[in-house]
């Protein structure tokens, strides 16, 4: 059984967002999700994209989730800490031998509208979170 609705898959395709699903774990992995230029590094190298693991709740589309897991691990290029980002082994998720690290975000500024919102809102939330790596702009 698919994790998303037909309109969600159409949105992903129209926006050239590559993805992978693990239906048994309810994982949606957005491959090479774009990052704002110059904000993030991984392993000392600037990053312009990251893989995002997002858990699609069983009651999707009445609830949109509040966390994401990333691979590879990101740091801010300016050296500041990313609040609510966990290191290896702390509530990580494993998929195909890859450890995705948790970054908790709560979407008070982008509330989920039950039975209306879908993958477009999730992509909006992720895009916003990467552009605002501190929780100050909720």
C-alpha atoms as a PDB file:
ATOM      1  CA  UNK A   1       0.000   0.000   0.000  1.00  0.00           C
ATOM      2  CA  UNK A   2       1.371   3.409  -0.961  1.00  0.00           C
ATOM      3  CA  UNK A   3       2.269   5.885   1.776  1.00  0.00           C
ATOM      4  CA  UNK A   4       0.939   8.937  -0.049  1.00  0.00           C
ATOM      5  CA  UNK A   5      -2.009   9.920  -2.217  1.00  0.00           C
ATOM      6  CA  UNK A   6      -1.921  10.104  -6.011  1.00  0.00           C
ATOM      7  CA  UNK A   7      -1.828  13.920  -5.904  1.00  0.00           C
ATOM      8  CA  UNK A   8       1.247  13.742  -3.652  1.00  0.00           C
ATOM      9  CA  UNK A   9       3.127  11.556  -6.133  1.00  0.00           C
ATOM     10  CA  UNK A  10       2.131  13.922  -8.926  1.00  0.00           C
ATOM     11  CA  UNK A  11       3.519  16.854  -6.906  1.00  0.00           C
ATOM     12  CA  UNK A  12       6.814  15.039  -6.322  1.00  0.00           C
ATOM     13  CA  UNK A  13       7.131  14.255 -10.023  1.00  0.00           C
ATOM     14  CA  UNK A  14       6.156  17.724 -11.213  1.00  0.00           C
ATOM     15  CA  UNK A  15       8.745  19.258  -8.863  1.00  0.00           C
ATOM     16  CA  UNK A  16      11.486  16.769  -9.809  1.00  0.00           C
ATOM     17  CA  UNK A  17      11.810  15.539  -6.229  1.00  0.00           C
ATOM     18  CA  UNK A  18      13.390  12.097  -6.162  1.00  0.00           C
ATOM     19  CA  UNK A  19      12.131   9.796  -3.439  1.00  0.00           C
ATOM     20  CA  UNK A  20      12.186   6.286  -2.078  1.00  0.00           C
ATOM     21  CA  UNK A  21       9.607   4.599   0.141  1.00  0.00           C
ATOM     22  CA  UNK A  22       9.849   1.907   2.770  1.00  0.00           C
ATOM     23  CA  UNK A  23       6.209   1.106   3.319  1.00  0.00           C
ATOM     24  CA  UNK A  24       6.742  -1.298   6.236  1.00  0.00           C
ATOM     25  CA  UNK A  25       8.638   1.367   8.230  1.00  0.00           C
ATOM     26  CA  UNK A  26       6.491   4.215   6.805  1.00  0.00           C
ATOM     27  CA  UNK A  27       9.663   5.991   5.635  1.00  0.00           C
ATOM     28  CA  UNK A  28       9.608   8.494   2.802  1.00  0.00           C
ATOM     29  CA  UNK A  29      13.162   9.410   1.810  1.00  0.00           C
ATOM     30  CA  UNK A  30      13.512  12.547  -0.265  1.00  0.00           C
ATOM     31  CA  UNK A  31      16.784  12.197  -2.167  1.00  0.00           C
ATOM     32  CA  UNK A  32      19.075  15.178  -2.724  1.00  0.00           C
ATOM     33  CA  UNK A  33      16.668  17.603  -1.099  1.00  0.00           C
ATOM     34  CA  UNK A  34      17.955  21.119  -1.858  1.00  0.00           C
ATOM     35  CA  UNK A  35      19.634  23.158   0.854  1.00  0.00           C
ATOM     36  CA  UNK A  36      20.161  26.917   0.884  1.00  0.00           C
ATOM     37  CA  UNK A  37      23.557  27.762  -0.547  1.00  0.00           C
ATOM     38  CA  UNK A  38      26.365  28.410   1.932  1.00  0.00           C
ATOM     39  CA  UNK A  39      24.422  27.473   5.090  1.00  0.00           C
ATOM     40  CA  UNK A  40      25.438  23.837   5.693  1.00  0.00           C
ATOM     41  CA  UNK A  41      28.542  21.671   5.645  1.00  0.00           C
ATOM     42  CA  UNK A  42      29.176  17.987   6.134  1.00  0.00           C
ATOM     43  CA  UNK A  43      32.627  16.559   6.676  1.00  0.00           C
ATOM     44  CA  UNK A  44      34.101  20.017   6.120  1.00  0.00           C
ATOM     45  CA  UNK A  45      32.543  20.300   2.656  1.00  0.00           C
ATOM     46  CA  UNK A  46      29.759  22.685   1.663  1.00  0.00           C
ATOM     47  CA  UNK A  47      26.435  20.916   1.067  1.00  0.00           C
ATOM     48  CA  UNK A  48      23.755  21.931  -1.394  1.00  0.00           C
ATOM     49  CA  UNK A  49      21.548  18.860  -0.866  1.00  0.00           C
ATOM     50  CA  UNK A  50      20.812  16.204   1.754  1.00  0.00           C
ATOM     51  CA  UNK A  51      18.718  13.045   1.947  1.00  0.00           C
ATOM     52  CA  UNK A  52      15.710  13.534   4.233  1.00  0.00           C
ATOM     53  CA  UNK A  53      13.922  10.632   5.874  1.00  0.00           C
ATOM     54  CA  UNK A  54      10.413  11.586   6.910  1.00  0.00           C
ATOM     55  CA  UNK A  55       8.030   9.261   8.699  1.00  0.00           C
ATOM     56  CA  UNK A  56       4.562   9.355   7.179  1.00  0.00           C
ATOM     57  CA  UNK A  57       2.114   8.924  10.072  1.00  0.00           C
ATOM     58  CA  UNK A  58      -0.475   6.140   9.815  1.00  0.00           C
ATOM     59  CA  UNK A  59      -3.185   8.808  10.000  1.00  0.00           C
ATOM     60  CA  UNK A  60      -1.743  10.805   7.109  1.00  0.00           C
ATOM     61  CA  UNK A  61      -3.292  13.222   6.015  1.00  0.00           C
ATOM     62  CA  UNK A  62      -4.821  14.229   9.320  1.00  0.00           C
ATOM     63  CA  UNK A  63      -1.377  14.700  10.902  1.00  0.00           C
ATOM     64  CA  UNK A  64       1.826  15.795   9.211  1.00  0.00           C
ATOM     65  CA  UNK A  65       4.620  14.722  11.570  1.00  0.00           C
ATOM     66  CA  UNK A  66       7.164  16.901  13.358  1.00  0.00           C
ATOM     67  CA  UNK A  67      10.625  15.473  12.796  1.00  0.00           C
ATOM     68  CA  UNK A  68      13.031  14.686  10.042  1.00  0.00           C
ATOM     69  CA  UNK A  69      16.120  12.526   9.848  1.00  0.00           C
ATOM     70  CA  UNK A  70      19.075  13.502   7.668  1.00  0.00           C
ATOM     71  CA  UNK A  71      21.956  11.870   5.863  1.00  0.00           C
ATOM     72  CA  UNK A  72      24.693  12.891   5.916  1.00  0.00           C
ATOM     73  CA  UNK A  73      24.931  14.743   9.211  1.00  0.00           C
ATOM     74  CA  UNK A  74      24.917  18.493   8.745  1.00  0.00           C
ATOM     75  CA  UNK A  75      26.603  21.327  10.590  1.00  0.00           C
ATOM     76  CA  UNK A  76      26.129  25.015  10.064  1.00  0.00           C
ATOM     77  CA  UNK A  77      28.814  26.646   7.950  1.00  0.00           C
ATOM     78  CA  UNK A  78      28.978  29.557  10.424  1.00  0.00           C
ATOM     79  CA  UNK A  79      29.874  27.146  13.258  1.00  0.00           C
ATOM     80  CA  UNK A  80      26.711  27.792  15.271  1.00  0.00           C
ATOM     81  CA  UNK A  81      24.861  24.844  16.757  1.00  0.00           C
ATOM     82  CA  UNK A  82      21.721  23.452  15.136  1.00  0.00           C
ATOM     83  CA  UNK A  83      19.276  23.192  18.063  1.00  0.00           C
ATOM     84  CA  UNK A  84      17.342  19.923  18.403  1.00  0.00           C
ATOM     85  CA  UNK A  85      19.688  18.095  16.012  1.00  0.00           C
ATOM     86  CA  UNK A  86      20.879  14.782  17.425  1.00  0.00           C
ATOM     87  CA  UNK A  87      24.164  13.008  16.893  1.00  0.00           C
ATOM     88  CA  UNK A  88      24.695   9.371  15.919  1.00  0.00           C
ATOM     89  CA  UNK A  89      22.829   6.762  17.938  1.00  0.00           C
ATOM     90  CA  UNK A  90      20.351   9.218  19.471  1.00  0.00           C
ATOM     91  CA  UNK A  91      16.893   8.421  18.087  1.00  0.00           C
ATOM     92  CA  UNK A  92      18.441   7.743  14.689  1.00  0.00           C
ATOM     93  CA  UNK A  93      16.685   5.787  11.964  1.00  0.00           C
ATOM     94  CA  UNK A  94      18.392   3.109   9.904  1.00  0.00           C
ATOM     95  CA  UNK A  95      17.518   2.455   6.290  1.00  0.00           C
ATOM     96  CA  UNK A  96      19.500   0.159   3.985  1.00  0.00           C
ATOM     97  CA  UNK A  97      22.517   0.308   6.298  1.00  0.00           C
ATOM     98  CA  UNK A  98      22.538   4.124   6.455  1.00  0.00           C
ATOM     99  CA  UNK A  99      22.046   5.996   9.732  1.00  0.00           C
ATOM    100  CA  UNK A 100      19.812   9.043   9.405  1.00  0.00           C
ATOM    101  CA  UNK A 101      20.205  11.566  12.242  1.00  0.00           C
ATOM    102  CA  UNK A 102      17.205  13.234  13.841  1.00  0.00           C
ATOM    103  CA  UNK A 103      16.408  16.924  13.663  1.00  0.00           C
ATOM    104  CA  UNK A 104      13.272  17.755  15.628  1.00  0.00           C
ATOM    105  CA  UNK A 105      11.198  20.658  14.404  1.00  0.00           C
ATOM    106  CA  UNK A 106       7.758  21.739  15.529  1.00  0.00           C
ATOM    107  CA  UNK A 107       5.728  23.515  12.926  1.00  0.00           C
ATOM    108  CA  UNK A 108       3.809  26.096  14.972  1.00  0.00           C
ATOM    109  CA  UNK A 109       4.221  28.588  12.130  1.00  0.00           C
ATOM    110  CA  UNK A 110       3.062  26.073   9.503  1.00  0.00           C
ATOM    111  CA  UNK A 111       0.107  24.244  11.062  1.00  0.00           C
ATOM    112  CA  UNK A 112      -1.227  21.138   9.374  1.00  0.00           C
ATOM    113  CA  UNK A 113      -4.744  21.429   7.959  1.00  0.00           C
ATOM    114  CA  UNK A 114      -6.273  17.948   8.350  1.00  0.00           C
ATOM    115  CA  UNK A 115      -7.670  16.412   5.154  1.00  0.00           C
ATOM    116  CA  UNK A 116      -6.318  19.373   3.132  1.00  0.00           C
ATOM    117  CA  UNK A 117      -2.550  19.250   3.452  1.00  0.00           C
ATOM    118  CA  UNK A 118      -0.215  16.686   1.967  1.00  0.00           C
ATOM    119  CA  UNK A 119       3.302  16.338   0.608  1.00  0.00           C
ATOM    120  CA  UNK A 120       3.358  19.954  -0.588  1.00  0.00           C
ATOM    121  CA  UNK A 121       3.058  21.107   3.055  1.00  0.00           C
ATOM    122  CA  UNK A 122       5.785  18.665   4.121  1.00  0.00           C
ATOM    123  CA  UNK A 123       8.127  20.010   1.417  1.00  0.00           C
ATOM    124  CA  UNK A 124       7.256  23.572   2.479  1.00  0.00           C
ATOM    125  CA  UNK A 125       8.064  22.740   6.098  1.00  0.00           C
ATOM    126  CA  UNK A 126      11.384  21.140   5.182  1.00  0.00           C
ATOM    127  CA  UNK A 127      12.355  24.037   2.937  1.00  0.00           C
ATOM    128  CA  UNK A 128      11.508  26.495   5.703  1.00  0.00           C
ATOM    129  CA  UNK A 129      13.432  24.505   8.336  1.00  0.00           C
ATOM    130  CA  UNK A 130      16.598  24.379   6.241  1.00  0.00           C
ATOM    131  CA  UNK A 131      16.364  28.123   5.585  1.00  0.00           C
ATOM    132  CA  UNK A 132      15.898  28.767   9.343  1.00  0.00           C
ATOM    133  CA  UNK A 133      18.199  26.364  11.208  1.00  0.00           C
ATOM    134  CA  UNK A 134      17.345  27.823  14.614  1.00  0.00           C
ATOM    135  CA  UNK A 135      13.961  27.487  16.287  1.00  0.00           C
ATOM    136  CA  UNK A 136      13.753  31.253  16.926  1.00  0.00           C
ATOM    137  CA  UNK A 137      11.589  32.031  13.890  1.00  0.00           C
ATOM    138  CA  UNK A 138       8.640  29.797  14.692  1.00  0.00           C
END
